[in-house]
Structure formats: structure tokens, C-alpha cells
């Protein structure tokens, strides 16, 4: 390259940055406006995100409190159902001199009260003599041959089972025939 070409190239390089760096004021204002708008949208999105996060946290805490309160209320209501039976037992135990007939009558009253409470709580007894054996409801502890009963029928109940709705509390302990 000649000296003249080098000088021309240097002059062009000096002029080019001046031309490319200079921007029109309206173009610069448009870019600034777009930047401001983007920053504003970002702040709005961030604010919305933080509000949603706080709302979720409040919801989680509220449901935990409600769950604990529901459990406490269920326990309170269930225990409340049994308090009459506790009172009756305490009155029976306070009797110093009683006849066996009176004692039996008191135990029968307590049994009746217990059955009423279980009915109110929707607790059903499971396992009666003559029912067909169901391994979902009964626990067989013995097997006997009895020509009077058909196959897989409960011939004796050692301990009743109980369920609430479809949920088993305790299976019945039974003896199965044939």
C-alpha cells in the first residue's frame, strides 16, 4: 500500500465512527421509551409474582390452621359423645352397697348408651353368626365342621368388628364353618 492510500484509509476510519455513533434524537428517545416500558413491565410482573407468592403462603398457613382446628373439633365432639357414659360409670362406681340386679341394670344402661353413641358416630358392628365370611371384614381364627351351616359361614364370633362408612376400624374375630 502506498502512503497516499494509507492516509485516505485513516481519514475514512476517523469519519466512519462519527457517522455511525451519531443518532437522531427521535431514535434515541424511542429506544429510551422502549427501555422504560420494558422496565415498567418487569416491575409489574415482579410485583404480581411477589403478591402471588404471598397469597400462596397465606393460603398454606390458613389451611394448616383449619386442618388442625378440624382435628381438634372432631376430637372434642367425639369425646363429648362419651362423657355421658363416663358420668354413668362414675355414678355406678360411687354406689357402695348394691344388689347384683342393680349392678346388671346399670351395666345394661351403659351398654345402651355406648350403642347410641356409636350409632351417632356412624359406627357399624361387623360379624354376626350366620353371615357369609368376608376376609375384608372378618378375621378367621378357627375352622369347624358343622352340617347345619353352609360353606364359609360364620359359626361363632369371639370379638365384634367395627367400621365407619367403608373404613374398617377393626375386623371381627370369628370362627368359620365348613
N, C-alpha and C. Protein backbone atom coordinates (compact mmCIF):
# COMPACT_ATOMS: atom_id res chain seq x y z
N UNK A 1 0.81 -1.17 0.00
CA UNK A 1 0.00 0.00 0.00
C UNK A 1 0.87 1.25 0.00
N UNK A 2 0.37 2.21 -0.72
CA UNK A 2 1.13 3.46 -0.79
C UNK A 2 0.79 4.35 0.38
N UNK A 3 1.57 5.35 0.51
CA UNK A 3 1.39 6.30 1.61
C UNK A 3 0.08 7.03 1.45
N UNK A 4 -0.25 7.34 0.21
CA UNK A 4 -1.49 8.05 -0.07
C UNK A 4 -2.70 7.20 0.32
N UNK A 5 -2.67 5.91 -0.01
CA UNK A 5 -3.77 5.00 0.34
C UNK A 5 -3.92 4.88 1.84
N UNK A 6 -2.82 4.83 2.54
CA UNK A 6 -2.85 4.71 3.99
C UNK A 6 -3.48 5.95 4.60
N UNK A 7 -3.15 7.10 4.11
CA UNK A 7 -3.69 8.36 4.63
C UNK A 7 -5.19 8.41 4.37
N UNK A 8 -5.61 8.02 3.19
CA UNK A 8 -7.05 8.03 2.87
C UNK A 8 -7.82 7.06 3.77
N UNK A 9 -7.23 5.92 3.98
CA UNK A 9 -7.88 4.92 4.83
C UNK A 9 -8.05 5.46 6.25
N UNK A 10 -7.02 6.13 6.76
CA UNK A 10 -7.08 6.68 8.11
C UNK A 10 -8.13 7.76 8.20
N UNK A 11 -8.28 8.57 7.17
CA UNK A 11 -9.29 9.62 7.17
C UNK A 11 -10.69 9.02 7.16
N UNK A 12 -10.86 7.96 6.38
CA UNK A 12 -12.17 7.29 6.34
C UNK A 12 -12.52 6.69 7.70
N UNK A 13 -11.55 6.10 8.34
CA UNK A 13 -11.80 5.49 9.65
C UNK A 13 -12.19 6.54 10.68
N UNK A 14 -11.60 7.72 10.58
CA UNK A 14 -11.93 8.80 11.51
C UNK A 14 -13.35 9.28 11.27
N UNK A 15 -13.76 9.31 10.01
CA UNK A 15 -15.10 9.81 9.67
C UNK A 15 -16.18 8.78 10.01
N UNK A 16 -15.93 7.50 9.79
CA UNK A 16 -16.94 6.47 9.99
C UNK A 16 -17.48 6.42 11.41
N UNK A 17 -16.62 6.39 12.42
CA UNK A 17 -17.18 6.36 13.76
C UNK A 17 -18.05 7.56 14.05
N UNK A 18 -17.69 8.66 13.51
CA UNK A 18 -18.51 9.85 13.75
C UNK A 18 -19.87 9.67 13.11
N UNK A 19 -19.92 9.04 11.96
CA UNK A 19 -21.19 8.85 11.26
C UNK A 19 -22.05 7.78 11.94
N UNK A 20 -21.45 6.68 12.39
CA UNK A 20 -22.23 5.58 12.95
C UNK A 20 -22.66 5.88 14.39
N UNK A 21 -21.89 6.65 15.11
CA UNK A 21 -22.23 6.92 16.50
C UNK A 21 -23.28 8.00 16.63
N UNK A 22 -23.35 8.84 15.67
CA UNK A 22 -24.35 9.90 15.76
C UNK A 22 -25.72 9.32 15.47
N UNK A 23 -26.66 9.55 16.39
CA UNK A 23 -28.02 9.05 16.22
C UNK A 23 -28.95 10.23 16.27
N UNK A 24 -30.02 10.02 15.62
CA UNK A 24 -31.02 11.08 15.63
C UNK A 24 -31.68 11.13 17.00
N UNK A 25 -32.05 12.30 17.46
CA UNK A 25 -32.67 12.43 18.78
C UNK A 25 -33.98 11.63 18.89
N UNK A 26 -34.79 11.52 17.85
CA UNK A 26 -36.05 10.78 17.93
C UNK A 26 -35.80 9.30 18.09
N UNK A 27 -34.76 8.78 17.43
CA UNK A 27 -34.42 7.36 17.55
C UNK A 27 -33.97 7.06 18.97
N UNK A 28 -33.17 7.95 19.55
CA UNK A 28 -32.70 7.77 20.92
C UNK A 28 -33.86 7.84 21.90
N UNK A 29 -34.80 8.73 21.68
CA UNK A 29 -35.98 8.84 22.54
C UNK A 29 -36.84 7.59 22.44
N UNK A 30 -36.98 7.03 21.23
CA UNK A 30 -37.75 5.79 21.05
C UNK A 30 -37.13 4.64 21.83
N UNK A 31 -35.82 4.52 21.73
CA UNK A 31 -35.12 3.46 22.46
C UNK A 31 -35.28 3.62 23.97
N UNK A 32 -35.16 4.87 24.43
CA UNK A 32 -35.32 5.13 25.87
C UNK A 32 -36.74 4.81 26.32
N UNK A 33 -37.73 5.13 25.49
CA UNK A 33 -39.13 4.85 25.81
C UNK A 33 -39.38 3.35 25.88
N UNK A 34 -38.80 2.62 24.91
CA UNK A 34 -38.96 1.16 24.91
C UNK A 34 -38.30 0.56 26.15
N UNK A 35 -37.13 1.05 26.51
CA UNK A 35 -36.43 0.57 27.70
C UNK A 35 -37.25 0.85 28.96
N UNK A 36 -37.78 2.06 29.07
CA UNK A 36 -38.61 2.43 30.22
C UNK A 36 -39.85 1.54 30.30
N UNK A 37 -40.47 1.27 29.16
CA UNK A 37 -41.66 0.43 29.12
C UNK A 37 -41.33 -1.00 29.55
N UNK A 38 -40.20 -1.52 29.07
CA UNK A 38 -39.78 -2.87 29.44
C UNK A 38 -39.48 -2.95 30.93
N UNK A 39 -38.84 -1.94 31.48
CA UNK A 39 -38.55 -1.92 32.91
C UNK A 39 -39.83 -1.84 33.73
N UNK A 40 -40.79 -1.07 33.25
CA UNK A 40 -42.06 -0.95 33.95
C UNK A 40 -42.80 -2.29 33.95
N UNK A 41 -42.81 -2.97 32.79
CA UNK A 41 -43.46 -4.29 32.71
C UNK A 41 -42.77 -5.29 33.62
N UNK A 42 -41.44 -5.22 33.68
CA UNK A 42 -40.70 -6.11 34.55
C UNK A 42 -41.09 -5.87 36.01
N UNK A 43 -41.19 -4.64 36.43
CA UNK A 43 -41.59 -4.30 37.80
C UNK A 43 -43.00 -4.81 38.10
N UNK A 44 -43.92 -4.63 37.13
CA UNK A 44 -45.30 -5.11 37.31
C UNK A 44 -45.33 -6.63 37.45
N UNK A 45 -44.57 -7.33 36.62
CA UNK A 45 -44.51 -8.79 36.68
C UNK A 45 -43.91 -9.25 38.00
N UNK A 46 -42.86 -8.56 38.42
CA UNK A 46 -42.22 -8.90 39.71
C UNK A 46 -43.20 -8.68 40.86
N UNK A 47 -43.93 -7.56 40.82
CA UNK A 47 -44.90 -7.26 41.86
C UNK A 47 -46.01 -8.32 41.88
N UNK A 48 -46.48 -8.69 40.69
CA UNK A 48 -47.53 -9.71 40.60
C UNK A 48 -47.02 -11.05 41.13
N UNK A 49 -45.80 -11.40 40.80
CA UNK A 49 -45.20 -12.64 41.30
C UNK A 49 -45.09 -12.63 42.82
N UNK A 50 -44.62 -11.52 43.38
CA UNK A 50 -44.48 -11.44 44.84
C UNK A 50 -45.83 -11.50 45.54
N UNK A 51 -46.84 -10.87 44.95
CA UNK A 51 -48.20 -10.93 45.53
C UNK A 51 -48.73 -12.36 45.49
N UNK A 52 -48.53 -13.04 44.36
CA UNK A 52 -48.98 -14.44 44.24
C UNK A 52 -48.26 -15.33 45.24
N UNK A 53 -46.98 -15.12 45.40
CA UNK A 53 -46.20 -15.89 46.36
C UNK A 53 -46.71 -15.66 47.79
N UNK A 54 -46.99 -14.42 48.14
CA UNK A 54 -47.51 -14.10 49.48
C UNK A 54 -48.90 -14.70 49.66
N UNK A 55 -49.71 -14.64 48.61
CA UNK A 55 -51.06 -15.20 48.68
C UNK A 55 -51.00 -16.71 48.91
N UNK A 56 -50.11 -17.39 48.20
CA UNK A 56 -49.95 -18.83 48.38
C UNK A 56 -49.47 -19.16 49.79
N UNK A 57 -48.54 -18.39 50.30
CA UNK A 57 -48.03 -18.63 51.65
C UNK A 57 -49.15 -18.46 52.68
N UNK A 58 -49.98 -17.42 52.50
CA UNK A 58 -51.12 -17.22 53.40
C UNK A 58 -52.11 -18.36 53.29
N UNK A 59 -52.37 -18.83 52.06
CA UNK A 59 -53.29 -19.96 51.85
C UNK A 59 -52.77 -21.20 52.56
N UNK A 60 -51.47 -21.49 52.42
CA UNK A 60 -50.88 -22.67 53.05
C UNK A 60 -51.01 -22.59 54.58
N UNK A 61 -50.72 -21.44 55.15
CA UNK A 61 -50.83 -21.27 56.60
C UNK A 61 -52.28 -21.41 57.06
N UNK A 62 -53.21 -20.82 56.29
CA UNK A 62 -54.62 -20.88 56.66
C UNK A 62 -55.13 -22.33 56.62
N UNK A 63 -54.75 -23.09 55.59
CA UNK A 63 -55.20 -24.48 55.52
C UNK A 63 -54.60 -25.32 56.62
N UNK A 64 -53.36 -25.04 57.01
CA UNK A 64 -52.77 -25.77 58.14
C UNK A 64 -53.54 -25.49 59.43
N UNK A 65 -53.91 -24.22 59.64
CA UNK A 65 -54.69 -23.87 60.84
C UNK A 65 -56.06 -24.54 60.80
N UNK A 66 -56.72 -24.51 59.63
CA UNK A 66 -58.04 -25.12 59.50
C UNK A 66 -57.97 -26.63 59.71
N UNK A 67 -56.93 -27.25 59.20
CA UNK A 67 -56.76 -28.70 59.38
C UNK A 67 -56.61 -29.04 60.86
N UNK A 68 -55.78 -28.28 61.55
CA UNK A 68 -55.58 -28.51 62.99
C UNK A 68 -56.88 -28.26 63.75
N UNK A 69 -57.60 -27.22 63.37
CA UNK A 69 -58.87 -26.91 64.04
C UNK A 69 -59.91 -28.01 63.77
N UNK A 70 -59.93 -28.53 62.55
CA UNK A 70 -60.88 -29.60 62.22
C UNK A 70 -60.61 -30.83 63.06
N UNK A 71 -59.34 -31.20 63.19
CA UNK A 71 -58.98 -32.35 64.02
C UNK A 71 -59.38 -32.11 65.47
N UNK A 72 -59.03 -30.93 66.00
CA UNK A 72 -59.38 -30.62 67.39
C UNK A 72 -60.89 -30.66 67.61
N UNK A 73 -61.65 -30.12 66.66
CA UNK A 73 -63.12 -30.13 66.79
C UNK A 73 -63.67 -31.54 66.72
N UNK A 74 -63.10 -32.38 65.86
CA UNK A 74 -63.57 -33.77 65.75
C UNK A 74 -63.31 -34.52 67.06
N UNK A 75 -62.13 -34.32 67.62
CA UNK A 75 -61.81 -34.97 68.91
C UNK A 75 -62.75 -34.46 70.00
N UNK A 76 -62.95 -33.16 70.04
CA UNK A 76 -63.84 -32.57 71.06
C UNK A 76 -65.26 -33.13 70.94
N UNK A 77 -65.77 -33.17 69.72
CA UNK A 77 -67.14 -33.68 69.52
C UNK A 77 -67.25 -35.16 69.87
N UNK A 78 -66.25 -35.94 69.51
CA UNK A 78 -66.28 -37.38 69.80
C UNK A 78 -66.20 -37.63 71.30
N UNK A 79 -65.29 -36.97 71.96
CA UNK A 79 -65.16 -37.14 73.41
C UNK A 79 -66.44 -36.67 74.10
N UNK A 80 -67.02 -35.59 73.60
CA UNK A 80 -68.27 -35.09 74.17
C UNK A 80 -69.37 -36.13 74.14
N UNK A 81 -69.38 -36.96 73.10
CA UNK A 81 -70.38 -38.03 72.99
C UNK A 81 -70.22 -39.08 74.10
N UNK A 82 -68.99 -39.29 74.53
CA UNK A 82 -68.74 -40.33 75.53
C UNK A 82 -68.84 -39.84 76.98
N UNK A 83 -68.98 -38.55 77.19
CA UNK A 83 -68.98 -38.03 78.57
C UNK A 83 -70.18 -38.51 79.39
N UNK A 84 -71.34 -38.69 78.76
CA UNK A 84 -72.50 -39.22 79.50
C UNK A 84 -72.21 -40.62 80.01
N UNK A 85 -71.50 -41.41 79.23
CA UNK A 85 -71.16 -42.77 79.65
C UNK A 85 -70.18 -42.73 80.82
N UNK A 86 -69.23 -41.81 80.76
CA UNK A 86 -68.27 -41.66 81.86
C UNK A 86 -69.02 -41.26 83.13
N UNK A 87 -69.97 -40.34 83.00
CA UNK A 87 -70.77 -39.93 84.17
C UNK A 87 -71.53 -41.11 84.77
N UNK A 88 -72.13 -41.91 83.90
CA UNK A 88 -72.91 -43.07 84.37
C UNK A 88 -72.00 -44.07 85.08
N UNK A 89 -70.82 -44.30 84.52
CA UNK A 89 -69.86 -45.21 85.17
C UNK A 89 -69.43 -44.69 86.54
N UNK A 90 -69.17 -43.40 86.62
CA UNK A 90 -68.76 -42.83 87.92
C UNK A 90 -69.88 -42.95 88.95
N UNK A 91 -71.12 -42.73 88.51
CA UNK A 91 -72.24 -42.88 89.45
C UNK A 91 -72.36 -44.33 89.90
N UNK A 92 -72.17 -45.28 88.99
CA UNK A 92 -72.27 -46.70 89.34
C UNK A 92 -71.16 -47.09 90.32
N UNK A 93 -69.97 -46.58 90.09
CA UNK A 93 -68.86 -46.90 90.99
C UNK A 93 -69.00 -46.24 92.35
N UNK A 94 -69.75 -45.16 92.44
CA UNK A 94 -69.95 -44.47 93.71
C UNK A 94 -70.89 -45.24 94.64
N UNK A 95 -71.65 -46.15 94.08
CA UNK A 95 -72.59 -46.94 94.90
C UNK A 95 -71.80 -47.96 95.72
N UNK A 96 -71.96 -47.87 97.05
CA UNK A 96 -71.21 -48.77 97.94
C UNK A 96 -71.93 -50.12 98.07
N UNK A 97 -73.19 -50.06 98.40
CA UNK A 97 -73.95 -51.30 98.60
C UNK A 97 -75.01 -51.40 97.52
N UNK A 98 -74.85 -52.33 96.60
CA UNK A 98 -75.87 -52.52 95.58
C UNK A 98 -76.05 -54.00 95.32
N UNK A 99 -77.24 -54.30 94.88
CA UNK A 99 -77.58 -55.70 94.59
C UNK A 99 -77.05 -56.06 93.20
N UNK A 100 -76.82 -57.33 92.96
CA UNK A 100 -76.35 -57.75 91.64
C UNK A 100 -77.32 -57.36 90.52
N UNK A 101 -78.62 -57.37 90.82
CA UNK A 101 -79.60 -56.99 89.80
C UNK A 101 -79.43 -55.51 89.41
N UNK A 102 -79.18 -54.68 90.43
CA UNK A 102 -78.98 -53.25 90.17
C UNK A 102 -77.68 -53.02 89.37
N UNK A 103 -76.66 -53.77 89.71
CA UNK A 103 -75.40 -53.68 89.00
C UNK A 103 -75.58 -54.08 87.53
N UNK A 104 -76.32 -55.15 87.31
CA UNK A 104 -76.56 -55.60 85.94
C UNK A 104 -77.36 -54.55 85.17
N UNK A 105 -78.36 -53.98 85.82
CA UNK A 105 -79.17 -52.95 85.18
C UNK A 105 -78.31 -51.74 84.80
N UNK A 106 -77.40 -51.36 85.66
CA UNK A 106 -76.51 -50.24 85.38
C UNK A 106 -75.58 -50.53 84.21
N UNK A 107 -75.04 -51.74 84.15
CA UNK A 107 -74.16 -52.12 83.04
C UNK A 107 -74.95 -52.15 81.73
N UNK A 108 -76.19 -52.61 81.78
CA UNK A 108 -77.03 -52.62 80.58
C UNK A 108 -77.29 -51.19 80.09
N UNK A 109 -77.52 -50.27 81.03
CA UNK A 109 -77.73 -48.87 80.66
C UNK A 109 -76.48 -48.29 79.99
N UNK A 110 -75.34 -48.62 80.55
CA UNK A 110 -74.08 -48.14 79.97
C UNK A 110 -73.90 -48.72 78.57
N UNK A 111 -74.19 -50.01 78.41
CA UNK A 111 -74.10 -50.64 77.08
C UNK A 111 -75.04 -49.98 76.09
N UNK A 112 -76.26 -49.66 76.53
CA UNK A 112 -77.23 -48.99 75.66
C UNK A 112 -76.71 -47.60 75.26
N UNK A 113 -76.16 -46.86 76.24
CA UNK A 113 -75.59 -45.53 75.95
C UNK A 113 -74.43 -45.63 74.95
N UNK A 114 -73.59 -46.64 75.11
CA UNK A 114 -72.47 -46.83 74.19
C UNK A 114 -72.98 -47.10 72.77
N UNK A 115 -73.99 -47.95 72.64
CA UNK A 115 -74.55 -48.25 71.31
C UNK A 115 -75.12 -46.98 70.67
N UNK A 116 -75.79 -46.15 71.45
CA UNK A 116 -76.35 -44.89 70.93
C UNK A 116 -75.23 -43.97 70.43
N UNK A 117 -74.16 -43.87 71.19
CA UNK A 117 -73.03 -43.02 70.79
C UNK A 117 -72.42 -43.55 69.50
N UNK A 118 -72.22 -44.87 69.41
CA UNK A 118 -71.65 -45.45 68.20
C UNK A 118 -72.55 -45.20 66.99
N UNK A 119 -73.86 -45.28 67.17
CA UNK A 119 -74.79 -45.00 66.07
C UNK A 119 -74.69 -43.54 65.63
N UNK A 120 -74.58 -42.62 66.60
CA UNK A 120 -74.44 -41.20 66.26
C UNK A 120 -73.16 -40.94 65.46
N UNK A 121 -72.12 -41.69 65.78
CA UNK A 121 -70.84 -41.53 65.10
C UNK A 121 -70.77 -42.36 63.82
N UNK A 122 -71.88 -43.00 63.44
CA UNK A 122 -71.98 -43.81 62.22
C UNK A 122 -71.02 -45.00 62.25
N UNK A 123 -70.85 -45.59 63.44
CA UNK A 123 -70.01 -46.78 63.58
C UNK A 123 -70.93 -47.99 63.54
N UNK A 124 -70.62 -48.94 62.65
CA UNK A 124 -71.44 -50.14 62.49
C UNK A 124 -70.68 -51.36 62.97
N UNK A 125 -71.39 -52.25 63.64
CA UNK A 125 -70.79 -53.51 64.08
C UNK A 125 -70.73 -54.46 62.89
N UNK A 126 -69.69 -55.27 62.85
CA UNK A 126 -69.48 -56.24 61.78
C UNK A 126 -69.25 -57.59 62.41
N UNK A 127 -69.84 -58.64 61.83
CA UNK A 127 -69.59 -60.00 62.30
C UNK A 127 -70.73 -60.54 63.13
N UNK A 128 -71.65 -61.22 62.47
CA UNK A 128 -72.77 -61.87 63.15
C UNK A 128 -72.78 -63.35 62.77
N UNK A 129 -73.22 -64.19 63.66
CA UNK A 129 -73.34 -65.62 63.37
C UNK A 129 -74.32 -65.78 62.21
N UNK A 130 -73.94 -66.61 61.23
CA UNK A 130 -74.79 -66.87 60.07
C UNK A 130 -74.43 -66.02 58.86
N UNK A 131 -73.63 -64.96 59.04
CA UNK A 131 -73.19 -64.14 57.91
C UNK A 131 -72.17 -64.91 57.08
N UNK A 132 -72.11 -64.65 55.78
CA UNK A 132 -71.03 -65.26 54.99
C UNK A 132 -69.68 -64.63 55.38
N UNK A 133 -68.64 -65.45 55.39
CA UNK A 133 -67.31 -64.97 55.75
C UNK A 133 -66.76 -64.07 54.66
N UNK A 134 -66.24 -62.90 55.05
CA UNK A 134 -65.61 -61.96 54.12
C UNK A 134 -64.25 -61.56 54.71
N UNK A 135 -63.15 -61.92 54.06
CA UNK A 135 -61.84 -61.61 54.62
C UNK A 135 -61.56 -60.12 54.74
N UNK A 136 -62.33 -59.28 54.06
CA UNK A 136 -62.18 -57.83 54.20
C UNK A 136 -62.76 -57.34 55.51
N UNK A 137 -63.74 -58.09 56.06
CA UNK A 137 -64.44 -57.66 57.27
C UNK A 137 -64.15 -58.55 58.49
N UNK A 138 -63.74 -59.79 58.23
CA UNK A 138 -63.59 -60.77 59.30
C UNK A 138 -62.19 -61.36 59.33
N UNK A 139 -61.79 -61.75 60.53
CA UNK A 139 -60.52 -62.44 60.71
C UNK A 139 -60.84 -63.81 61.29
N UNK A 140 -60.60 -64.86 60.52
CA UNK A 140 -60.91 -66.22 60.96
C UNK A 140 -59.78 -66.73 61.86
N UNK A 141 -60.16 -67.22 63.04
CA UNK A 141 -59.15 -67.78 63.95
C UNK A 141 -59.30 -69.29 64.09
N UNK A 142 -60.41 -69.80 63.53
CA UNK A 142 -60.65 -71.23 63.64
C UNK A 142 -61.61 -71.66 62.55
N UNK A 143 -61.60 -72.99 62.29
CA UNK A 143 -62.48 -73.57 61.27
C UNK A 143 -63.13 -74.80 61.89
N UNK A 144 -64.44 -74.91 61.76
CA UNK A 144 -65.16 -76.07 62.31
C UNK A 144 -66.03 -76.69 61.23
N UNK A 145 -66.31 -77.97 61.41
CA UNK A 145 -67.24 -78.67 60.52
C UNK A 145 -68.60 -78.68 61.20
N UNK A 146 -69.60 -78.11 60.54
CA UNK A 146 -70.96 -78.05 61.10
C UNK A 146 -71.93 -78.30 59.95
N UNK A 147 -72.60 -79.48 59.96
CA UNK A 147 -73.52 -79.80 58.86
C UNK A 147 -74.74 -78.87 58.83
N UNK A 148 -75.03 -78.21 59.92
CA UNK A 148 -76.20 -77.32 59.98
C UNK A 148 -75.95 -76.00 59.24
N UNK A 149 -74.68 -75.66 59.02
CA UNK A 149 -74.34 -74.40 58.37
C UNK A 149 -73.76 -74.66 56.97
N UNK A 150 -73.97 -73.73 56.07
CA UNK A 150 -73.39 -73.88 54.73
C UNK A 150 -71.92 -73.48 54.75
N UNK A 151 -71.27 -73.56 53.58
CA UNK A 151 -69.84 -73.34 53.49
C UNK A 151 -69.49 -71.86 53.65
N UNK A 152 -68.37 -71.60 54.34
CA UNK A 152 -67.84 -70.24 54.58
C UNK A 152 -68.85 -69.33 55.26
N UNK A 153 -69.45 -69.84 56.31
CA UNK A 153 -70.40 -69.08 57.11
C UNK A 153 -69.84 -68.95 58.52
N UNK A 154 -70.08 -67.79 59.14
CA UNK A 154 -69.59 -67.56 60.50
C UNK A 154 -70.42 -68.39 61.48
N UNK A 155 -69.72 -69.22 62.26
CA UNK A 155 -70.43 -70.06 63.23
C UNK A 155 -70.34 -69.50 64.65
N UNK A 156 -69.33 -68.68 64.92
CA UNK A 156 -69.19 -68.06 66.24
C UNK A 156 -68.40 -66.75 66.09
N UNK A 157 -68.69 -65.79 66.96
CA UNK A 157 -67.99 -64.51 66.96
C UNK A 157 -67.29 -64.36 68.31
N UNK A 158 -65.96 -64.27 68.28
CA UNK A 158 -65.20 -64.05 69.51
C UNK A 158 -65.17 -62.56 69.87
N UNK A 159 -65.05 -61.73 68.84
CA UNK A 159 -64.98 -60.29 69.07
C UNK A 159 -65.58 -59.58 67.86
N UNK A 160 -66.53 -58.70 68.11
CA UNK A 160 -67.17 -57.96 67.02
C UNK A 160 -66.16 -57.03 66.35
N UNK A 161 -66.40 -56.80 65.08
CA UNK A 161 -65.60 -55.82 64.34
C UNK A 161 -66.42 -54.55 64.18
N UNK A 162 -65.75 -53.47 63.83
CA UNK A 162 -66.43 -52.18 63.66
C UNK A 162 -65.86 -51.45 62.46
N UNK A 163 -66.75 -50.70 61.81
CA UNK A 163 -66.33 -49.87 60.68
C UNK A 163 -67.10 -48.56 60.71
N UNK A 164 -66.51 -47.55 60.09
CA UNK A 164 -67.15 -46.25 59.90
C UNK A 164 -67.24 -46.06 58.39
N UNK A 165 -68.46 -46.07 57.88
CA UNK A 165 -68.63 -45.98 56.43
C UNK A 165 -67.97 -47.17 55.77
N UNK A 166 -67.02 -46.93 54.87
CA UNK A 166 -66.31 -48.00 54.19
C UNK A 166 -64.98 -48.34 54.84
N UNK A 167 -64.61 -47.62 55.88
CA UNK A 167 -63.31 -47.83 56.52
C UNK A 167 -63.44 -48.75 57.73
N UNK A 168 -62.60 -49.76 57.74
CA UNK A 168 -62.59 -50.69 58.86
C UNK A 168 -61.83 -50.10 60.04
N UNK A 169 -62.43 -50.20 61.21
CA UNK A 169 -61.74 -49.81 62.44
C UNK A 169 -61.03 -51.04 62.99
N UNK A 170 -61.80 -52.16 63.01
CA UNK A 170 -61.26 -53.42 63.50
C UNK A 170 -62.05 -54.56 62.87
N UNK A 171 -61.40 -55.57 62.32
CA UNK A 171 -62.14 -56.70 61.76
C UNK A 171 -62.71 -57.57 62.88
N UNK A 172 -63.78 -58.26 62.59
CA UNK A 172 -64.37 -59.18 63.56
C UNK A 172 -63.52 -60.44 63.65
N UNK A 173 -63.36 -60.96 64.85
CA UNK A 173 -62.64 -62.21 65.06
C UNK A 173 -63.68 -63.31 65.14
N UNK A 174 -63.62 -64.26 64.17
CA UNK A 174 -64.72 -65.22 64.03
C UNK A 174 -64.20 -66.64 63.83
N UNK A 175 -65.15 -67.58 63.96
CA UNK A 175 -64.93 -68.98 63.64
C UNK A 175 -65.76 -69.27 62.40
N UNK A 176 -65.14 -69.91 61.41
CA UNK A 176 -65.81 -70.17 60.14
C UNK A 176 -66.15 -71.65 60.05
N UNK A 177 -67.35 -71.93 59.52
CA UNK A 177 -67.82 -73.31 59.39
C UNK A 177 -67.54 -73.83 58.00
N UNK A 178 -67.32 -75.17 57.96
CA UNK A 178 -67.17 -75.96 56.73
C UNK A 178 -66.09 -75.41 55.84
